Each structure stands twice: as C-alpha cells, then as structure tokens.
Amino acid sequence: MKKTSGNIKNSTWNLANILLYPIAFLALTPFFINKLGENHFGIWMLVNSYVYIAVNIISFGLGNSITAYVAEAIGKGSHTKLQAYVNSSTKLIGWISMSTILIAILWSLLNLSGTEIFNDHLDKILIVATCVISVKFWELLYQSVLKGYERYDLASWWSIVSKLLVLGVQVVIVLWGYNLYELFLSNLILNAIMVYVQAVVTYKLIPQYQFSWQIKRDERKELFHFGFWTWLQTIISVLAYQVDRFIIAIFLGPAIAGYYILASTITNHMHMAFGAIVSWLFPKVARKKELGENIVIYFQTLRGFSVGISLLAIFVAYLFYEPLFTLWLGPEKFQKMGGFFRLFLVYESFLLMTIVPLFYLNGMKWLKFITSLEFMYKVGIILGMVVAFWIIPTGKSLIIGQIIALALLIPVEYLLINKFLLKDHWLTETLITMLPSFLIAAIIFINNMYVTIGLALITIFVYYFYYLNPKRFKIKLLLE
C-alpha cells in the first residue's frame, strides 16, 4: 500500500483545523446576532479579539520557538536536547500562565471592591476572558510541541474537538437565555478540560519524558532568542490586523464593528487556511537546515503552490459571495457586511504573498531579516488605515488605506527577498511574481464581466508559464 504523503497529510489536517470551526461558527452567526443582539454580538467579537491579542503578545513568541527547536532536536536525533527544550518550555509557559491568573485575581478583587473599569458588567466578562487566556498558553505549548514533531494530525484533531465542543455548548447557553459572562465561563471550563487531555497526549509522545525543575540556561536562552524575534513579528501583526477593529468600535459603535469584524474574520480565516496548507514548511525547513540540504527550491515550489491555491480561492469567493452571503445573513444584514468583505478580498490578494516567506525565513532562522520585512509592510498597513480613516471616517476607508499600503510595500518585500535568495534576475522575478495579485485585485475592483474574463485568462497564462515553470516548481517536494 502506498504511504500517504506526509506533507499532504499535514496540509489536510491543518486545513481542517482552520476551516471546520469558522464554517460552523459562520453558519451559526445569524443565530447569535438574533439572540444576542447586534451590540452584544459586537462586544463578543471584540472580547474574542482581546483573548487572541493577549495570547499572542504575552506568549513572547514561544509558540514558533518551541516548534522550531523541537524540530531541530528531532533532526539532530538528540533526545537530551529534546527533553531540555520541552522542560524549559513547560516552565516558561507555567510562569506566564500563573502571572495571567494573578492579574485576573487582582482585577476580581478590584471589581469586588466596587471599582469598575468598564460599563455594563464588562469587567466580569473580561476577568473570565483573562482566565481563558491563561489556559490558552498551555494549549499553545502542546500544539507547538506536536507541530515540532510534524504531528499536525494530532495537533489539529484536539484543536478541532476543543473549538467545536466550546461552540456547541455556547449555542445551548444562548438558547437558554444566558449572557456573555456565561458564554466565556463555559469557554474557560471546557478549554481547561481539553488542555489537560492534550497534555497527556503530548507528553506520551516524547520518549521517556520526565519533567525536571533543573534550569537549562542554554535551551532557555535559545528559546527566548528565537521567541523574541517572532514575538516582535507577532506584536507588529496584532497591531496591523487588530487595531482597525477597535477604531471601528470606538468611533462608529459596536454594531458596525460587529459586521466589520465578521467580514474581517472570514478573510482572516481564509488567510489562515492559505497558511495552513503550507505551514509544515516551517518545521521542515528547521529540520532540513540541520542536515545541510539546499532548500531554496522549497521556497519557490511552496510559493507557487500557495499563490495558485490562494488566488483561485479568492476568485471563487468573489464570484459567489453575494448570493451565498445574502442567503446566509439575509438581504438587510448582507448590505451591512458585503461591502467590507469585497474590499477584504482585494486586501487578501496582496497579503497572501507574505505567507511562504514568513514560514521559510523563520525556519532558516533569518530572524532579523524577516522581522524587518514584516515591520516594513505592517507599519505601512497601520499608517494607511489611520490616514485613510482620518480623511474619510468610514469602515471602507480603513480597508482601502490598508490595500494601498500593501500594493506599494509587498512588491518591495519581494524585491528584497528575491535579491537575497535568488541572486540574479531578482527585479524581473519580482515584477512577474506580483502580477497575478494585481490582476485579481483589478478584477474585484472593476467588477465587470468582460474585464473579469479577460484578466482571469491573463492571470492563468502568467501563473502557468512563470510559477509552474519546472525550474521553480518541483511537485515531488509537495508529495514527500
């Protein structure tokens, strides 16, 4: 029997993990909006953003760092190093989790004394959400170790079960008429149970694992060094991808923010799905680098694969989103969200170009280089949205400002990457590399049937003769 490709297996599980929960959540979105009301739904989405932001910032980039060093230790065949990295990671996550719990306790005491920071009992919701954050750090640890083992099947399975279980219970709670506090309380309890199960599964995977309180300073230093750079990348990303949500909420209100965040969340999960297809590149590059292999062809092949799949998905979404979303939300709610989503598709047609460079360059540990590139275009996103909103204070202007920044700066990023990696023909490579993204963006902006057909044919021509050129694309690498 022919063995299934490890890369295909990892991509499939990653994709399932990224897509199953949002599909289920989006299917239930009209239910939640109707039961909670537009304002409470908007608040719910904002608090979820708070949890996401806090986990990614306070974890100091340890997730990617743990994955990279576990993969390296496995590549070297060093059981001692593997044990040391996992022990150091467990202790570091433990301290971060306990510090977060302490913040929640102090916040609770302040609230019990009669001091409220926010109105309408939002403090109590945020206190429970802070406890959820502390549990999420442990989930980050176990997910990262499993990915370092390239066991994306186990990581995805437990993540899917956990998220769908929480969602199912939340549906029941809303049906029973409970409020946002009970929603997050159920989230906390169920996540704690699932994290314990993931701990058992993960530690059993490590041969003869024994926890030790002994401090391995070298391993801890390595984890923090790598984590520091990916942490900087995360902070920049959170600011670039999340600040617009709070601008909308503050200046235009939670009801509009809810629809804006909904459109943003859909495209964000599309981006995560595009990344999930090729995210196995990160630990693979980290492992193969230790073996001294030439892996530039991995970059070119995965870039071609990622761009093709992603642009096709965006094009299909553009063709069918209006009838599907109208059926899903109803005409009135679609009018509030559809315009945001269309612009986010244009935004994503440029942003998807950053996926493979991020995985590849982090896997190679070219941390300063990739962090400087991330800083460049994400600061551009922030400036673009702020300036556009200052000129015209609408949700659409926020997205247009980000699109302009990406259209200007992503080609600059690829100019630098191609010059660094490919040495020659880097200017021509950059121009042709970016052309399909500009063509798809033009199709969505112009929104004309004849233009769509013409530009789609040109896009297919460029992609086939450039991205699928045998010099740049080795399909066997995808099937390893």
Protein backbone atom coordinates (compact mmCIF):
# COMPACT_ATOMS: atom_id res chain seq x y z
CA MET A 1 0.00 0.00 0.00
CA LYS A 2 1.37 3.41 -0.99
CA LYS A 3 2.06 5.62 2.00
CA THR A 4 0.23 8.94 2.11
CA SER A 5 2.50 11.97 1.64
CA GLY A 6 3.41 13.49 5.00
CA ASN A 7 3.12 16.97 3.52
CA ILE A 8 -0.33 16.29 2.11
CA LYS A 9 -1.41 14.77 5.40
CA ASN A 10 -0.18 17.79 7.36
CA SER A 11 -1.79 20.21 4.91
CA THR A 12 -5.10 18.36 5.09
CA TRP A 13 -5.21 18.35 8.89
CA ASN A 14 -4.10 21.98 9.05
CA LEU A 15 -6.81 22.96 6.62
CA ALA A 16 -9.44 21.04 8.56
CA ASN A 17 -8.34 22.75 11.77
CA ILE A 18 -8.55 26.19 10.21
CA LEU A 19 -11.83 25.73 8.33
CA LEU A 20 -14.16 23.48 10.34
CA TYR A 21 -14.65 25.81 13.29
CA PRO A 22 -15.16 29.04 11.31
CA ILE A 23 -17.57 27.29 8.95
CA ALA A 24 -19.60 26.09 11.93
CA PHE A 25 -19.39 29.50 13.62
CA LEU A 26 -20.34 31.41 10.49
CA ALA A 27 -23.28 29.09 9.89
CA LEU A 28 -24.49 29.99 13.39
CA THR A 29 -23.71 33.72 13.12
CA PRO A 30 -27.29 34.78 12.22
CA PHE A 31 -28.48 32.80 15.25
CA PHE A 32 -26.01 34.56 17.57
CA ILE A 33 -26.78 38.02 16.14
CA ASN A 34 -30.53 37.48 16.57
CA LYS A 35 -30.26 36.03 20.09
CA LEU A 36 -27.56 38.32 21.48
CA GLY A 37 -28.42 41.46 19.53
CA GLU A 38 -26.04 43.40 17.31
CA ASN A 39 -24.41 45.31 20.19
CA HIS A 40 -23.71 42.26 22.37
CA PHE A 41 -22.56 40.32 19.31
CA GLY A 42 -20.09 43.13 18.54
CA ILE A 43 -18.86 43.09 22.15
CA TRP A 44 -18.46 39.29 21.99
CA MET A 45 -16.31 39.60 18.87
CA LEU A 46 -14.21 42.34 20.48
CA VAL A 47 -13.58 40.31 23.65
CA ASN A 48 -12.56 37.35 21.48
CA SER A 49 -10.11 39.71 19.79
CA TYR A 50 -8.79 40.64 23.24
CA VAL A 51 -8.15 36.96 24.03
CA TYR A 52 -6.42 36.42 20.69
CA ILE A 53 -4.25 39.53 21.06
CA ALA A 54 -3.24 38.75 24.65
CA VAL A 55 -2.28 35.13 23.95
CA ASN A 56 -0.12 36.14 21.01
CA ILE A 57 1.59 39.07 22.73
CA ILE A 58 2.11 37.72 26.25
CA SER A 59 3.45 34.37 25.00
CA PHE A 60 6.57 36.24 23.77
CA GLY A 61 6.73 34.27 20.52
CA LEU A 62 7.34 30.98 22.34
CA GLY A 63 4.95 29.02 20.09
CA ASN A 64 7.10 29.23 16.95
CA SER A 65 10.26 28.98 19.03
CA ILE A 66 9.14 25.71 20.65
CA THR A 67 8.17 24.23 17.28
CA ALA A 68 11.49 25.22 15.68
CA TYR A 69 13.71 23.83 18.45
CA VAL A 70 11.73 20.63 18.94
CA ALA A 71 12.03 20.04 15.17
CA GLU A 72 15.77 20.77 15.30
CA ALA A 73 16.34 18.39 18.22
CA ILE A 74 14.48 15.65 16.34
CA GLY A 75 16.52 16.43 13.19
CA LYS A 76 19.75 16.07 15.21
CA GLY A 77 18.46 12.91 16.89
CA SER A 78 19.27 14.45 20.30
CA HIS A 79 16.95 13.08 22.97
CA THR A 80 18.72 15.15 25.65
CA LYS A 81 18.12 18.39 23.77
CA LEU A 82 14.50 17.45 23.13
CA GLN A 83 13.89 16.84 26.84
CA ALA A 84 15.62 20.12 27.73
CA TYR A 85 13.60 22.19 25.28
CA VAL A 86 10.27 20.70 26.39
CA ASN A 87 11.14 21.15 30.07
CA SER A 88 12.22 24.75 29.56
CA SER A 89 9.10 25.46 27.51
CA THR A 90 6.83 23.94 30.17
CA LYS A 91 8.37 26.07 32.91
CA LEU A 92 8.26 29.26 30.87
CA ILE A 93 4.61 28.74 29.93
CA GLY A 94 3.85 27.91 33.56
CA TRP A 95 5.23 31.25 34.78
CA ILE A 96 3.35 33.17 32.09
CA SER A 97 0.09 31.36 32.87
CA MET A 98 0.40 31.97 36.62
CA SER A 99 1.16 35.65 36.04
CA THR A 100 -2.01 35.95 33.95
CA ILE A 101 -4.07 34.26 36.68
CA LEU A 102 -2.64 36.74 39.19
CA ILE A 103 -3.81 39.63 37.01
CA ALA A 104 -7.30 38.10 36.88
CA ILE A 105 -7.35 37.70 40.69
CA LEU A 106 -6.27 41.31 41.28
CA TRP A 107 -8.86 42.52 38.76
CA SER A 108 -11.53 40.46 40.58
CA LEU A 109 -10.61 42.00 43.95
CA LEU A 110 -10.79 45.45 42.41
CA ASN A 111 -14.20 44.65 40.95
CA LEU A 112 -15.49 43.25 44.27
CA SER A 113 -14.45 46.48 45.99
CA GLY A 114 -16.92 48.32 43.75
CA THR A 115 -14.44 49.73 41.24
CA GLU A 116 -15.46 49.18 37.62
CA ILE A 117 -13.16 49.99 34.70
CA PHE A 118 -15.84 49.36 32.07
CA ASN A 119 -19.61 49.73 32.00
CA ASP A 120 -22.41 47.13 31.90
CA HIS A 121 -20.53 44.45 33.89
CA LEU A 122 -17.93 44.15 31.11
CA ASP A 123 -15.25 43.82 33.80
CA LYS A 124 -16.59 40.42 34.89
CA ILE A 125 -16.60 39.17 31.31
CA LEU A 126 -13.02 40.37 30.79
CA ILE A 127 -11.87 38.75 34.05
CA VAL A 128 -13.17 35.36 32.89
CA ALA A 129 -11.67 36.01 29.44
CA THR A 130 -8.31 36.67 31.14
CA CYS A 131 -8.55 33.26 32.82
CA VAL A 132 -9.26 31.76 29.38
CA ILE A 133 -6.03 33.40 28.18
CA SER A 134 -4.04 31.65 30.94
CA VAL A 135 -5.40 28.28 29.78
CA LYS A 136 -4.71 29.11 26.13
CA PHE A 137 -0.97 29.41 26.92
CA TRP A 138 -0.90 25.69 27.78
CA GLU A 139 -2.75 24.87 24.59
CA LEU A 140 -0.09 26.87 22.73
CA LEU A 141 2.64 24.78 24.37
CA TYR A 142 1.18 21.39 23.48
CA GLN A 143 0.16 22.43 19.97
CA SER A 144 3.69 23.74 19.34
CA VAL A 145 5.39 20.55 20.54
CA LEU A 146 3.12 18.41 18.34
CA LYS A 147 3.93 20.61 15.34
CA GLY A 148 7.64 20.29 16.09
CA TYR A 149 7.12 16.53 15.76
CA GLU A 150 5.30 17.30 12.48
CA ARG A 151 2.23 15.64 14.03
CA TYR A 152 -0.21 18.14 12.63
CA ASP A 153 -2.85 15.44 12.67
CA LEU A 154 -2.83 15.23 16.48
CA ALA A 155 -2.49 18.99 16.93
CA SER A 156 -5.39 19.66 14.57
CA TRP A 157 -7.61 16.90 15.92
CA TRP A 158 -7.52 18.16 19.51
CA SER A 159 -7.84 21.77 18.41
CA ILE A 160 -10.92 20.95 16.30
CA VAL A 161 -12.58 18.93 19.07
CA SER A 162 -11.92 21.68 21.62
CA LYS A 163 -13.29 24.53 19.48
CA LEU A 164 -16.37 22.68 18.27
CA LEU A 165 -17.18 21.49 21.79
CA VAL A 166 -16.99 25.06 23.10
CA LEU A 167 -19.15 26.32 20.22
CA GLY A 168 -21.78 23.64 20.78
CA VAL A 169 -22.08 24.48 24.47
CA GLN A 170 -22.28 28.19 23.65
CA VAL A 171 -25.26 27.52 21.37
CA VAL A 172 -27.04 25.75 24.23
CA ILE A 173 -26.21 28.58 26.67
CA VAL A 174 -27.58 31.23 24.30
CA LEU A 175 -30.72 29.14 23.72
CA TRP A 176 -31.26 29.00 27.47
CA GLY A 177 -31.11 32.81 27.59
CA TYR A 178 -27.81 33.25 29.41
CA ASN A 179 -25.49 36.20 28.67
CA LEU A 180 -21.89 36.81 27.59
CA TYR A 181 -20.49 36.10 31.06
CA GLU A 182 -21.81 32.54 30.96
CA LEU A 183 -20.51 32.13 27.39
CA PHE A 184 -16.94 32.86 28.48
CA LEU A 185 -17.31 30.85 31.70
CA SER A 186 -18.21 27.75 29.67
CA ASN A 187 -15.28 28.53 27.37
CA LEU A 188 -12.93 28.53 30.38
CA ILE A 189 -14.17 25.23 31.83
CA LEU A 190 -14.15 23.31 28.56
CA ASN A 191 -10.76 24.64 27.45
CA ALA A 192 -9.23 23.62 30.79
CA ILE A 193 -10.52 20.06 30.35
CA MET A 194 -9.28 19.81 26.75
CA VAL A 195 -5.85 21.23 27.62
CA TYR A 196 -5.41 18.50 30.24
CA VAL A 197 -6.19 15.86 27.60
CA GLN A 198 -3.71 17.47 25.17
CA ALA A 199 -1.04 17.44 27.89
CA VAL A 200 -1.43 13.69 28.36
CA VAL A 201 -1.26 13.06 24.60
CA THR A 202 1.76 15.31 24.07
CA TYR A 203 3.95 14.10 26.91
CA LYS A 204 3.31 10.46 25.97
CA LEU A 205 4.66 11.24 22.51
CA ILE A 206 8.07 12.17 23.96
CA PRO A 207 10.15 9.01 24.69
CA GLN A 208 10.76 8.50 28.41
CA TYR A 209 9.80 12.06 29.20
CA GLN A 210 10.30 13.22 32.77
CA PHE A 211 9.71 16.74 33.97
CA SER A 212 12.66 18.34 35.75
CA TRP A 213 12.89 21.56 37.73
CA GLN A 214 16.55 21.89 36.75
CA ILE A 215 17.16 25.05 34.72
CA LYS A 216 18.79 24.51 31.32
CA ARG A 217 20.05 28.02 30.68
CA ASP A 218 21.32 27.39 27.13
CA GLU A 219 18.00 25.99 25.96
CA ARG A 220 16.03 28.72 27.70
CA LYS A 221 18.26 31.37 26.12
CA GLU A 222 17.77 29.82 22.67
CA LEU A 223 14.02 29.69 23.11
CA PHE A 224 13.88 33.33 24.17
CA HIS A 225 16.24 34.48 21.40
CA PHE A 226 14.13 32.89 18.67
CA GLY A 227 10.94 33.81 20.51
CA PHE A 228 11.98 37.44 20.81
CA TRP A 229 12.08 37.93 17.05
CA THR A 230 8.86 36.04 16.35
CA TRP A 231 7.32 37.95 19.28
CA LEU A 232 8.21 41.22 17.57
CA GLN A 233 6.62 39.87 14.39
CA THR A 234 3.51 38.98 16.40
CA ILE A 235 3.23 42.42 18.02
CA ILE A 236 3.52 44.08 14.64
CA SER A 237 0.94 41.65 13.22
CA VAL A 238 -1.53 42.20 16.05
CA LEU A 239 -1.31 45.96 15.66
CA ALA A 240 -1.67 45.75 11.89
CA TYR A 241 -4.51 43.20 11.86
CA GLN A 242 -6.47 44.09 15.00
CA VAL A 243 -6.28 47.84 15.62
CA ASP A 244 -8.83 48.60 12.87
CA ARG A 245 -11.45 46.63 14.81
CA PHE A 246 -11.08 48.88 17.83
CA ILE A 247 -11.01 52.04 15.71
CA ILE A 248 -14.36 50.97 14.25
CA ALA A 249 -15.79 50.13 17.69
CA ILE A 250 -14.65 53.40 19.29
CA PHE A 251 -15.66 55.79 16.51
CA LEU A 252 -18.54 54.03 14.75
CA GLY A 253 -20.00 51.83 17.52
CA PRO A 254 -20.13 48.09 18.36
CA ALA A 255 -22.97 47.30 15.94
CA ILE A 256 -20.99 48.38 12.86
CA ALA A 257 -17.87 46.85 14.42
CA GLY A 258 -19.65 43.50 14.61
CA TYR A 259 -20.24 43.39 10.84
CA TYR A 260 -16.78 44.76 10.08
CA ILE A 261 -15.16 42.16 12.35
CA LEU A 262 -17.33 39.45 10.80
CA ALA A 263 -16.06 40.31 7.30
CA SER A 264 -12.52 40.62 8.62
CA THR A 265 -12.80 37.29 10.44
CA ILE A 266 -13.89 35.47 7.29
CA THR A 267 -10.97 36.78 5.25
CA ASN A 268 -8.63 36.25 8.21
CA HIS A 269 -9.63 32.59 8.30
CA MET A 270 -9.15 32.41 4.55
CA HIS A 271 -5.61 33.71 5.13
CA MET A 272 -5.08 31.21 7.93
CA ALA A 273 -6.32 28.43 5.63
CA PHE A 274 -3.88 29.53 2.92
CA GLY A 275 -1.14 29.44 5.53
CA ALA A 276 -2.27 26.08 6.90
CA ILE A 277 -1.74 24.45 3.51
CA VAL A 278 1.99 25.24 3.63
CA SER A 279 2.73 25.79 7.33
CA TRP A 280 4.50 22.40 7.51
CA LEU A 281 7.31 24.21 5.65
CA PHE A 282 8.39 25.86 8.91
CA PRO A 283 9.45 22.77 10.93
CA LYS A 284 10.61 21.01 7.75
CA VAL A 285 13.00 23.84 6.88
CA ALA A 286 14.22 23.97 10.50
CA ARG A 287 14.93 20.21 10.40
CA LYS A 288 16.42 20.02 6.89
CA LYS A 289 18.66 23.02 7.54
CA GLU A 290 20.39 20.93 10.20
CA LEU A 291 21.02 18.25 7.57
CA GLY A 292 22.78 20.74 5.29
CA GLU A 293 20.36 20.42 2.37
CA ASN A 294 19.77 23.14 -0.27
CA ILE A 295 16.18 24.17 0.30
CA VAL A 296 15.67 27.30 -1.83
CA ILE A 297 13.62 25.14 -4.20
CA TYR A 298 11.21 24.53 -1.30
CA PHE A 299 10.64 28.26 -1.14
CA GLN A 300 9.92 28.55 -4.86
CA THR A 301 7.74 25.44 -5.04
CA LEU A 302 5.67 26.29 -1.97
CA ARG A 303 5.31 29.89 -3.12
CA GLY A 304 3.92 28.73 -6.44
CA PHE A 305 1.57 26.25 -4.79
CA SER A 306 0.38 28.77 -2.18
CA VAL A 307 -0.20 31.61 -4.65
CA GLY A 308 -2.13 29.40 -7.07
CA ILE A 309 -4.45 27.87 -4.49
CA SER A 310 -4.99 31.15 -2.66
CA LEU A 311 -5.76 33.34 -5.67
CA LEU A 312 -8.12 30.70 -7.04
CA ALA A 313 -10.00 30.64 -3.71
CA ILE A 314 -10.23 34.45 -3.67
CA PHE A 315 -11.51 34.50 -7.26
CA VAL A 316 -14.19 31.89 -6.47
CA ALA A 317 -15.17 33.79 -3.32
CA TYR A 318 -15.53 36.97 -5.39
CA LEU A 319 -17.80 35.22 -7.89
CA PHE A 320 -20.18 33.68 -5.36
CA TYR A 321 -20.03 35.69 -2.12
CA GLU A 322 -23.03 37.93 -2.87
CA PRO A 323 -25.69 35.23 -3.40
CA LEU A 324 -24.24 32.99 -0.69
CA PHE A 325 -23.98 35.73 1.94
CA THR A 326 -27.44 37.08 1.09
CA LEU A 327 -28.86 33.59 1.63
CA TRP A 328 -26.83 33.20 4.82
CA LEU A 329 -27.45 36.55 6.51
CA GLY A 330 -30.48 37.87 4.68
CA PRO A 331 -30.52 40.97 2.44
CA GLU A 332 -30.52 43.53 5.27
CA LYS A 333 -27.53 42.14 7.16
CA PHE A 334 -25.65 41.42 3.92
CA GLN A 335 -25.87 45.12 2.99
CA LYS A 336 -24.10 45.94 6.26
CA MET A 337 -21.29 43.42 5.73
CA GLY A 338 -20.92 42.70 1.98
CA GLY A 339 -19.03 45.87 1.03
CA PHE A 340 -16.45 45.25 3.76
CA PHE A 341 -15.91 41.67 2.59
CA ARG A 342 -15.38 42.62 -1.06
CA LEU A 343 -12.62 45.05 -0.11
CA PHE A 344 -11.05 42.50 2.25
CA LEU A 345 -10.76 40.10 -0.72
CA VAL A 346 -8.66 42.72 -2.53
CA TYR A 347 -6.61 43.16 0.64
CA GLU A 348 -6.04 39.40 0.88
CA SER A 349 -4.93 39.11 -2.76
CA PHE A 350 -1.78 41.02 -1.73
CA LEU A 351 -1.38 39.77 1.84
CA LEU A 352 -1.25 36.09 0.77
CA MET A 353 2.14 36.79 -0.84
CA THR A 354 3.68 37.08 2.65
CA ILE A 355 2.78 33.56 3.80
CA VAL A 356 5.62 31.43 2.40
CA PRO A 357 8.41 33.98 3.08
CA LEU A 358 7.36 34.11 6.74
CA PHE A 359 7.49 30.31 7.22
CA TYR A 360 10.64 29.85 5.15
CA LEU A 361 12.77 32.67 6.59
CA ASN A 362 11.76 31.87 10.18
CA GLY A 363 12.60 28.21 9.57
CA MET A 364 16.01 29.29 8.27
CA LYS A 365 16.40 31.50 11.38
CA TRP A 366 16.95 34.61 9.30
CA LEU A 367 15.03 36.34 12.04
CA LYS A 368 16.24 39.93 11.74
CA PHE A 369 15.65 39.92 8.00
CA ILE A 370 12.07 38.62 8.07
CA THR A 371 11.20 40.77 11.12
CA SER A 372 12.40 43.91 9.32
CA LEU A 373 10.28 42.96 6.29
CA GLU A 374 7.23 42.31 8.47
CA PHE A 375 7.79 45.61 10.26
CA MET A 376 8.00 47.49 6.97
CA TYR A 377 4.72 46.47 5.41
CA LYS A 378 2.71 46.17 8.62
CA VAL A 379 3.65 49.65 9.78
CA GLY A 380 2.57 50.68 6.29
CA ILE A 381 -0.81 48.99 6.90
CA ILE A 382 -1.28 50.89 10.17
CA LEU A 383 -0.33 54.23 8.63
CA GLY A 384 -2.51 53.53 5.59
CA MET A 385 -5.62 52.79 7.64
CA VAL A 386 -5.13 55.72 10.04
CA VAL A 387 -4.56 58.26 7.26
CA ALA A 388 -7.49 56.95 5.19
CA PHE A 389 -9.82 56.97 8.22
CA TRP A 390 -8.68 60.49 9.12
CA ILE A 391 -9.59 61.67 5.60
CA ILE A 392 -12.88 59.73 5.36
CA PRO A 393 -14.05 58.19 8.68
CA THR A 394 -15.76 55.04 7.37
CA GLY A 395 -15.10 51.33 7.67
CA LYS A 396 -14.44 51.03 3.94
CA SER A 397 -11.81 53.76 4.02
CA LEU A 398 -9.93 51.80 6.69
CA ILE A 399 -9.66 48.81 4.35
CA ILE A 400 -8.77 50.91 1.29
CA GLY A 401 -5.91 52.53 3.22
CA GLN A 402 -4.53 49.08 4.03
CA ILE A 403 -4.89 47.93 0.42
CA ILE A 404 -2.90 50.90 -0.88
CA ALA A 405 -0.13 50.20 1.66
CA LEU A 406 0.07 46.52 0.68
CA ALA A 407 0.03 47.26 -3.07
CA LEU A 408 3.04 49.54 -2.57
CA LEU A 409 5.05 47.58 0.00
CA ILE A 410 4.60 43.87 -0.80
CA PRO A 411 6.49 44.33 -4.12
CA VAL A 412 9.28 45.98 -2.11
CA GLU A 413 9.34 42.97 0.23
CA TYR A 414 9.63 40.58 -2.69
CA LEU A 415 12.30 42.73 -4.31
CA LEU A 416 14.44 42.31 -1.19
CA ILE A 417 13.63 38.59 -0.75
CA ASN A 418 14.35 37.72 -4.38
CA LYS A 419 17.59 39.71 -4.32
CA PHE A 420 18.62 37.92 -1.14
CA LEU A 421 17.63 34.39 -2.17
CA LEU A 422 17.88 34.23 -5.95
CA LYS A 423 20.91 36.49 -6.57
CA ASP A 424 20.09 37.10 -10.25
CA HIS A 425 17.04 38.22 -12.26
CA TRP A 426 15.56 39.44 -8.99
CA LEU A 427 13.91 42.54 -10.45
CA THR A 428 12.17 40.59 -13.24
CA GLU A 429 11.22 37.88 -10.76
CA THR A 430 9.60 40.49 -8.50
CA LEU A 431 7.54 42.10 -11.24
CA ILE A 432 6.17 38.81 -12.56
CA THR A 433 5.71 37.36 -9.06
CA MET A 434 3.36 40.21 -8.09
CA LEU A 435 1.43 40.39 -11.38
CA PRO A 436 -1.28 37.77 -10.56
CA SER A 437 -2.16 39.57 -7.31
CA PHE A 438 -2.59 42.88 -9.11
CA LEU A 439 -4.72 41.22 -11.79
CA ILE A 440 -7.08 39.58 -9.25
CA ALA A 441 -7.32 42.86 -7.32
CA ALA A 442 -8.25 44.66 -10.56
CA ILE A 443 -10.94 42.06 -11.31
CA ILE A 444 -12.58 42.61 -7.91
CA PHE A 445 -12.32 46.40 -8.03
CA ILE A 446 -13.63 46.83 -11.59
CA ASN A 447 -16.39 44.23 -11.13
CA ASN A 448 -17.22 43.86 -14.83
CA MET A 449 -17.96 40.54 -16.55
CA TYR A 450 -15.82 41.16 -19.66
CA VAL A 451 -12.92 42.56 -17.65
CA THR A 452 -13.17 39.56 -15.33
CA ILE A 453 -12.90 37.08 -18.20
CA GLY A 454 -10.02 38.90 -19.88
CA LEU A 455 -7.92 39.46 -16.76
CA ALA A 456 -8.63 35.94 -15.48
CA LEU A 457 -7.19 34.47 -18.70
CA ILE A 458 -4.09 36.67 -18.39
CA THR A 459 -3.69 35.56 -14.75
CA ILE A 460 -3.85 31.88 -15.74
CA PHE A 461 -1.28 32.46 -18.51
CA VAL A 462 1.20 34.23 -16.18
CA TYR A 463 0.77 31.67 -13.43
CA TYR A 464 1.24 28.67 -15.70
CA PHE A 465 4.32 29.91 -17.54
CA TYR A 466 6.02 31.53 -14.55
CA TYR A 467 5.01 29.89 -11.28
CA LEU A 468 4.72 26.35 -12.71
CA ASN A 469 8.00 26.56 -14.64
CA PRO A 470 9.92 23.33 -13.85
CA LYS A 471 12.91 25.42 -12.75
CA ARG A 472 10.81 26.89 -9.94
CA PHE A 473 8.23 24.21 -9.22
CA LYS A 474 9.05 20.63 -8.15
CA ILE A 475 5.82 18.83 -7.43
CA LYS A 476 7.64 15.90 -5.85
CA LEU A 477 8.52 18.17 -2.90
CA LEU A 478 4.79 18.50 -2.16
CA LEU A 479 4.39 14.73 -2.20
CA GLU A 480 7.22 13.81 0.18
